[in-house]
Amino acid sequence: MATFFIWLLLFVMCWPLALLALILWPFVWLLSLPFRLLGITFDALFAFLRALLFLPARVLGYRDKN
């Protein structure tokens, strides 16, 4: 919703730039998609490594205070 209001403000202040942004947004989204997938993959990898490293502590019964 905030993005829409920012776009409306841009439309009022400089409508050609706002229309250009509206046209180019799908291309920017398509270009950023592989980087998002890469980020999701690395996040899952780090979560797996963290779970693997903390497995001995979980087996021995250590309780996290959080």
N, C-alpha and C. Protein backbone atom coordinates (compact mmCIF):
# COMPACT_ATOMS: atom_id res chain seq x y z
N MET A 1 0.82 -1.18 0.00
CA MET A 1 0.00 0.00 0.00
C MET A 1 0.87 1.26 0.00
N ALA A 2 1.97 1.19 0.76
CA ALA A 2 2.87 2.34 0.81
C ALA A 2 3.50 2.59 -0.56
N THR A 3 3.82 1.52 -1.26
CA THR A 3 4.41 1.67 -2.59
C THR A 3 3.44 2.38 -3.53
N PHE A 4 2.18 2.06 -3.40
CA PHE A 4 1.17 2.71 -4.25
C PHE A 4 1.08 4.20 -3.96
N PHE A 5 1.13 4.57 -2.68
CA PHE A 5 1.05 5.99 -2.32
C PHE A 5 2.31 6.74 -2.76
N ILE A 6 3.46 6.07 -2.68
CA ILE A 6 4.69 6.69 -3.18
C ILE A 6 4.60 6.89 -4.69
N TRP A 7 4.03 5.90 -5.39
CA TRP A 7 3.88 6.04 -6.83
C TRP A 7 2.90 7.17 -7.16
N LEU A 8 1.82 7.30 -6.40
CA LEU A 8 0.88 8.40 -6.63
C LEU A 8 1.55 9.75 -6.42
N LEU A 9 2.39 9.85 -5.39
CA LEU A 9 3.12 11.09 -5.15
C LEU A 9 4.06 11.39 -6.32
N LEU A 10 4.75 10.36 -6.80
CA LEU A 10 5.62 10.54 -7.96
C LEU A 10 4.80 10.92 -9.19
N PHE A 11 3.61 10.35 -9.35
CA PHE A 11 2.74 10.67 -10.48
C PHE A 11 2.32 12.13 -10.46
N VAL A 12 2.04 12.64 -9.27
CA VAL A 12 1.63 14.04 -9.15
C VAL A 12 2.81 14.96 -9.42
N MET A 13 3.99 14.58 -8.94
CA MET A 13 5.15 15.47 -9.07
C MET A 13 5.81 15.38 -10.45
N CYS A 14 5.88 14.18 -11.02
CA CYS A 14 6.54 14.01 -12.32
C CYS A 14 5.90 12.82 -13.03
N TRP A 15 4.81 13.07 -13.74
CA TRP A 15 4.03 11.96 -14.30
C TRP A 15 4.78 11.17 -15.37
N PRO A 16 5.68 11.75 -16.20
CA PRO A 16 6.38 10.89 -17.17
C PRO A 16 7.29 9.86 -16.49
N LEU A 17 7.95 10.28 -15.42
CA LEU A 17 8.80 9.35 -14.68
C LEU A 17 7.96 8.25 -14.01
N ALA A 18 6.79 8.61 -13.51
CA ALA A 18 5.92 7.62 -12.88
C ALA A 18 5.41 6.61 -13.90
N LEU A 19 5.07 7.05 -15.08
CA LEU A 19 4.63 6.12 -16.12
C LEU A 19 5.77 5.23 -16.60
N LEU A 20 6.98 5.78 -16.69
CA LEU A 20 8.14 4.99 -17.05
C LEU A 20 8.41 3.92 -15.99
N ALA A 21 8.30 4.30 -14.74
CA ALA A 21 8.49 3.33 -13.66
C ALA A 21 7.43 2.23 -13.71
N LEU A 22 6.22 2.61 -14.04
CA LEU A 22 5.13 1.63 -14.14
C LEU A 22 5.38 0.65 -15.28
N ILE A 23 5.93 1.13 -16.38
CA ILE A 23 6.21 0.26 -17.52
C ILE A 23 7.41 -0.64 -17.26
N LEU A 24 8.46 -0.11 -16.62
CA LEU A 24 9.69 -0.85 -16.41
C LEU A 24 9.64 -1.81 -15.21
N TRP A 25 8.66 -1.65 -14.31
CA TRP A 25 8.62 -2.47 -13.09
C TRP A 25 8.58 -3.98 -13.36
N PRO A 26 7.81 -4.49 -14.32
CA PRO A 26 7.84 -5.94 -14.58
C PRO A 26 9.21 -6.45 -15.02
N PHE A 27 9.94 -5.65 -15.78
CA PHE A 27 11.27 -6.07 -16.22
C PHE A 27 12.25 -6.10 -15.05
N VAL A 28 12.14 -5.12 -14.17
CA VAL A 28 13.00 -5.10 -12.97
C VAL A 28 12.68 -6.31 -12.10
N TRP A 29 11.40 -6.63 -11.98
CA TRP A 29 11.00 -7.79 -11.17
C TRP A 29 11.55 -9.08 -11.77
N LEU A 30 11.49 -9.21 -13.09
CA LEU A 30 12.02 -10.40 -13.75
C LEU A 30 13.55 -10.51 -13.60
N LEU A 31 14.24 -9.39 -13.65
CA LEU A 31 15.69 -9.41 -13.47
C LEU A 31 16.08 -9.74 -12.04
N SER A 32 15.28 -9.36 -11.07
CA SER A 32 15.62 -9.61 -9.67
C SER A 32 15.20 -11.01 -9.21
N LEU A 33 14.39 -11.70 -9.98
CA LEU A 33 13.89 -13.01 -9.59
C LEU A 33 14.99 -14.04 -9.33
N PRO A 34 16.01 -14.17 -10.19
CA PRO A 34 17.07 -15.14 -9.88
C PRO A 34 17.80 -14.83 -8.58
N PHE A 35 17.98 -13.55 -8.27
CA PHE A 35 18.66 -13.18 -7.03
C PHE A 35 17.81 -13.52 -5.81
N ARG A 36 16.51 -13.39 -5.94
CA ARG A 36 15.62 -13.79 -4.84
C ARG A 36 15.68 -15.30 -4.62
N LEU A 37 15.67 -16.06 -5.70
CA LEU A 37 15.77 -17.51 -5.58
C LEU A 37 17.11 -17.93 -4.97
N LEU A 38 18.16 -17.23 -5.35
CA LEU A 38 19.48 -17.50 -4.77
C LEU A 38 19.48 -17.19 -3.28
N GLY A 39 18.83 -16.11 -2.89
CA GLY A 39 18.74 -15.76 -1.47
C GLY A 39 17.95 -16.79 -0.68
N ILE A 40 16.87 -17.29 -1.23
CA ILE A 40 16.08 -18.32 -0.56
C ILE A 40 16.90 -19.59 -0.41
N THR A 41 17.66 -19.93 -1.44
CA THR A 41 18.50 -21.13 -1.39
C THR A 41 19.57 -21.02 -0.32
N PHE A 42 20.25 -19.88 -0.25
CA PHE A 42 21.28 -19.70 0.76
C PHE A 42 20.69 -19.65 2.16
N ASP A 43 19.51 -19.07 2.31
CA ASP A 43 18.86 -19.05 3.62
C ASP A 43 18.54 -20.47 4.08
N ALA A 44 18.06 -21.30 3.18
CA ALA A 44 17.78 -22.70 3.52
C ALA A 44 19.06 -23.46 3.83
N LEU A 45 20.11 -23.18 3.08
CA LEU A 45 21.40 -23.84 3.32
C LEU A 45 21.94 -23.48 4.70
N PHE A 46 21.90 -22.21 5.06
CA PHE A 46 22.40 -21.79 6.37
C PHE A 46 21.53 -22.33 7.50
N ALA A 47 20.23 -22.42 7.29
CA ALA A 47 19.35 -23.01 8.30
C ALA A 47 19.68 -24.49 8.50
N PHE A 48 19.95 -25.18 7.41
CA PHE A 48 20.33 -26.59 7.50
C PHE A 48 21.66 -26.75 8.24
N LEU A 49 22.65 -25.92 7.90
CA LEU A 49 23.94 -26.01 8.58
C LEU A 49 23.83 -25.68 10.06
N ARG A 50 23.00 -24.70 10.40
CA ARG A 50 22.80 -24.36 11.81
C ARG A 50 22.15 -25.53 12.55
N ALA A 51 21.16 -26.14 11.94
CA ALA A 51 20.50 -27.29 12.57
C ALA A 51 21.48 -28.45 12.72
N LEU A 52 22.32 -28.63 11.75
CA LEU A 52 23.31 -29.71 11.80
C LEU A 52 24.36 -29.46 12.88
N LEU A 53 24.79 -28.21 13.02
CA LEU A 53 25.80 -27.89 14.03
C LEU A 53 25.23 -27.95 15.46
N PHE A 54 23.97 -27.61 15.62
CA PHE A 54 23.37 -27.62 16.95
C PHE A 54 22.72 -28.96 17.30
N LEU A 55 22.81 -29.92 16.40
CA LEU A 55 22.21 -31.22 16.66
C LEU A 55 22.79 -31.90 17.90
N PRO A 56 24.12 -31.91 18.12
CA PRO A 56 24.63 -32.57 19.33
C PRO A 56 24.10 -31.92 20.62
N ALA A 57 23.96 -30.61 20.62
CA ALA A 57 23.44 -29.93 21.80
C ALA A 57 21.98 -30.30 22.03
N ARG A 58 21.23 -30.44 20.97
CA ARG A 58 19.82 -30.81 21.12
C ARG A 58 19.69 -32.25 21.61
N VAL A 59 20.57 -33.12 21.13
CA VAL A 59 20.52 -34.51 21.56
C VAL A 59 20.88 -34.63 23.03
N LEU A 60 21.85 -33.81 23.49
CA LEU A 60 22.27 -33.86 24.89
C LEU A 60 21.31 -33.13 25.83
N GLY A 61 20.33 -32.45 25.29
CA GLY A 61 19.30 -31.86 26.13
C GLY A 61 19.51 -30.40 26.48
N TYR A 62 20.38 -29.70 25.79
CA TYR A 62 20.58 -28.29 26.06
C TYR A 62 19.34 -27.52 25.61
N ARG A 63 18.85 -26.63 26.48
CA ARG A 63 17.67 -25.83 26.17
C ARG A 63 18.08 -24.41 25.88
N ASP A 64 17.64 -23.89 24.74
CA ASP A 64 17.93 -22.52 24.38
C ASP A 64 17.07 -21.59 25.22
N LYS A 65 17.63 -20.49 25.69
CA LYS A 65 16.90 -19.59 26.58
C LYS A 65 15.92 -18.68 25.82
N ASN A 66 15.94 -18.68 24.50
CA ASN A 66 15.04 -17.83 23.74
C ASN A 66 13.75 -18.49 23.53
